[in-house]
């Protein structure tokens, strides 16, 4: 993974280019830690060799895992970074993937590996976001 600061004021904007085989979430989280991101949003396009999507099941309060075990296009990657309860960054990402037959699958991004590339733009706004666990859902939600 390579990154470059492309704008610095009034907000930081970074371009990240992932390498083939990179674990998307692992590398994004490492980037957030390295650059001390406490609040940011990101978007991306590219392709993956595989992914696991999640659908939040309200009854069980857990993500139902949806494995995608084939080459797919990243039609849209959207997410944010906020502070978790432990003070470190927490990622929340949704993705829409296109298969070779033209069908699309989307959901919460749980796992993904890049092939051949993934290009992500990260924007850090001046305001900071904090997540807290919502007692009803059990999810870490942004508190305004």
Protein backbone atom coordinates (compact mmCIF):
# COMPACT_ATOMS: atom_id res chain seq x y z
CA UNK A 1 0.00 0.00 0.00
CA UNK A 2 1.20 3.47 -0.89
CA UNK A 3 -0.27 6.78 0.28
CA UNK A 4 0.22 10.46 -0.34
CA UNK A 5 -1.08 13.58 1.35
CA UNK A 6 -2.69 15.51 -1.51
CA UNK A 7 -4.25 18.40 0.42
CA UNK A 8 -3.48 19.78 3.88
CA UNK A 9 -5.74 22.72 4.74
CA UNK A 10 -8.40 23.28 5.98
CA UNK A 11 -8.71 19.49 6.00
CA UNK A 12 -6.29 16.71 5.17
CA UNK A 13 -6.96 14.60 2.09
CA UNK A 14 -4.98 11.46 1.28
CA UNK A 15 -4.82 9.19 -1.76
CA UNK A 16 -4.14 5.52 -0.96
CA UNK A 17 -3.29 2.91 -3.59
CA UNK A 18 -3.41 -0.69 -2.38
CA UNK A 19 -1.24 -3.45 -3.78
CA UNK A 20 -2.39 -6.85 -4.97
CA UNK A 21 -3.04 -9.15 -2.01
CA UNK A 22 -3.44 -6.35 0.55
CA UNK A 23 -6.02 -6.89 3.27
CA UNK A 24 -8.26 -3.82 2.88
CA UNK A 25 -9.50 -3.34 6.44
CA UNK A 26 -6.18 -4.23 8.09
CA UNK A 27 -4.32 -1.70 5.94
CA UNK A 28 -6.96 1.04 6.30
CA UNK A 29 -6.88 0.68 10.08
CA UNK A 30 -3.06 0.79 10.11
CA UNK A 31 -3.21 3.94 7.95
CA UNK A 32 -5.71 5.55 10.35
CA UNK A 33 -3.45 4.78 13.31
CA UNK A 34 -0.30 5.98 11.54
CA UNK A 35 -1.90 9.32 10.60
CA UNK A 36 -3.75 9.65 13.92
CA UNK A 37 -7.14 9.94 12.25
CA UNK A 38 -9.88 10.58 14.77
CA UNK A 39 -12.56 11.42 12.20
CA UNK A 40 -12.51 10.84 8.46
CA UNK A 41 -14.52 9.59 5.52
CA UNK A 42 -13.33 7.51 2.60
CA UNK A 43 -14.44 6.35 -0.83
CA UNK A 44 -12.83 3.87 -3.18
CA UNK A 45 -12.88 1.96 -6.46
CA UNK A 46 -10.91 -1.02 -7.72
CA UNK A 47 -11.13 -4.79 -7.66
CA UNK A 48 -10.90 -7.67 -5.18
CA UNK A 49 -10.02 -11.35 -5.34
CA UNK A 50 -12.50 -12.14 -2.55
CA UNK A 51 -14.55 -10.49 0.16
CA UNK A 52 -16.89 -11.17 3.05
CA UNK A 53 -19.90 -8.89 3.33
CA UNK A 54 -22.12 -8.55 6.34
CA UNK A 55 -25.82 -8.02 6.82
CA UNK A 56 -26.78 -6.87 10.34
CA UNK A 57 -29.42 -9.21 11.76
CA UNK A 58 -31.52 -7.15 14.17
CA UNK A 59 -32.79 -10.23 16.03
CA UNK A 60 -29.37 -11.73 16.83
CA UNK A 61 -27.49 -8.38 16.89
CA UNK A 62 -24.76 -9.97 14.77
CA UNK A 63 -23.58 -9.66 11.18
CA UNK A 64 -24.67 -12.49 8.91
CA UNK A 65 -21.57 -13.33 6.83
CA UNK A 66 -21.90 -13.33 3.03
CA UNK A 67 -18.73 -14.75 1.41
CA UNK A 68 -17.84 -13.66 -2.13
CA UNK A 69 -15.19 -16.07 -3.41
CA UNK A 70 -14.44 -14.75 -6.88
CA UNK A 71 -12.88 -11.79 -8.67
CA UNK A 72 -15.16 -8.74 -8.35
CA UNK A 73 -15.15 -5.06 -9.22
CA UNK A 74 -15.47 -2.55 -6.38
CA UNK A 75 -18.35 -0.44 -7.68
CA UNK A 76 -18.43 1.64 -4.52
CA UNK A 77 -16.58 1.63 -1.21
CA UNK A 78 -17.81 4.17 1.32
CA UNK A 79 -16.98 4.48 4.97
CA UNK A 80 -15.77 6.48 7.91
CA UNK A 81 -13.24 6.49 10.70
CA UNK A 82 -14.22 7.56 14.20
CA UNK A 83 -12.80 7.13 17.68
CA UNK A 84 -13.74 3.92 19.42
CA UNK A 85 -14.34 3.67 23.16
CA UNK A 86 -10.67 2.76 23.70
CA UNK A 87 -9.53 6.00 22.04
CA UNK A 88 -8.24 4.30 18.89
CA UNK A 89 -9.69 4.56 15.38
CA UNK A 90 -12.66 2.40 14.36
CA UNK A 91 -13.63 1.73 10.74
CA UNK A 92 -17.16 1.46 9.39
CA UNK A 93 -17.26 0.50 5.72
CA UNK A 94 -19.95 -0.48 3.23
CA UNK A 95 -19.22 -1.85 -0.22
CA UNK A 96 -21.00 -2.72 -3.47
CA UNK A 97 -19.31 -5.40 -5.58
CA UNK A 98 -20.00 -6.24 -9.23
CA UNK A 99 -19.67 -9.80 -10.48
CA UNK A 100 -18.76 -10.90 -14.02
CA UNK A 101 -22.43 -11.60 -14.82
CA UNK A 102 -23.40 -8.00 -13.99
CA UNK A 103 -25.05 -8.73 -10.67
CA UNK A 104 -24.16 -6.61 -7.67
CA UNK A 105 -23.81 -7.55 -4.02
CA UNK A 106 -23.43 -5.14 -1.15
CA UNK A 107 -23.25 -4.81 2.58
CA UNK A 108 -21.00 -4.07 5.50
CA UNK A 109 -17.37 -4.84 4.62
CA UNK A 110 -16.01 -7.54 6.95
CA UNK A 111 -13.03 -8.85 4.91
CA UNK A 112 -11.48 -8.17 1.50
CA UNK A 113 -8.28 -8.76 -0.45
CA UNK A 114 -7.14 -6.56 -3.34
CA UNK A 115 -6.58 -7.82 -6.90
CA UNK A 116 -5.13 -6.01 -8.79
CA UNK A 117 -5.60 -2.59 -7.14
CA UNK A 118 -7.83 -0.48 -4.93
CA UNK A 119 -7.76 3.34 -4.93
CA UNK A 120 -9.12 5.12 -1.86
CA UNK A 121 -9.49 8.82 -1.06
CA UNK A 122 -9.55 9.68 2.66
CA UNK A 123 -10.79 13.08 3.83
CA UNK A 124 -10.36 14.26 7.39
CA UNK A 125 -12.82 17.02 8.37
CA UNK A 126 -11.95 19.55 11.08
CA UNK A 127 -14.62 18.13 13.48
CA UNK A 128 -14.02 14.93 15.49
CA UNK A 129 -16.41 12.03 15.79
CA UNK A 130 -16.79 9.70 18.75
CA UNK A 131 -18.46 6.26 18.76
CA UNK A 132 -20.32 4.82 21.73
CA UNK A 133 -22.01 1.46 22.09
CA UNK A 134 -25.76 1.75 21.57
CA UNK A 135 -27.48 -0.40 24.23
CA UNK A 136 -30.41 -1.36 21.97
CA UNK A 137 -28.44 -2.56 18.94
CA UNK A 138 -25.07 -3.35 20.51
CA UNK A 139 -23.39 -1.40 17.68
CA UNK A 140 -20.79 1.34 18.09
CA UNK A 141 -22.65 4.36 16.70
CA UNK A 142 -21.43 7.92 16.14
CA UNK A 143 -22.49 10.28 18.90
CA UNK A 144 -23.00 13.92 17.91
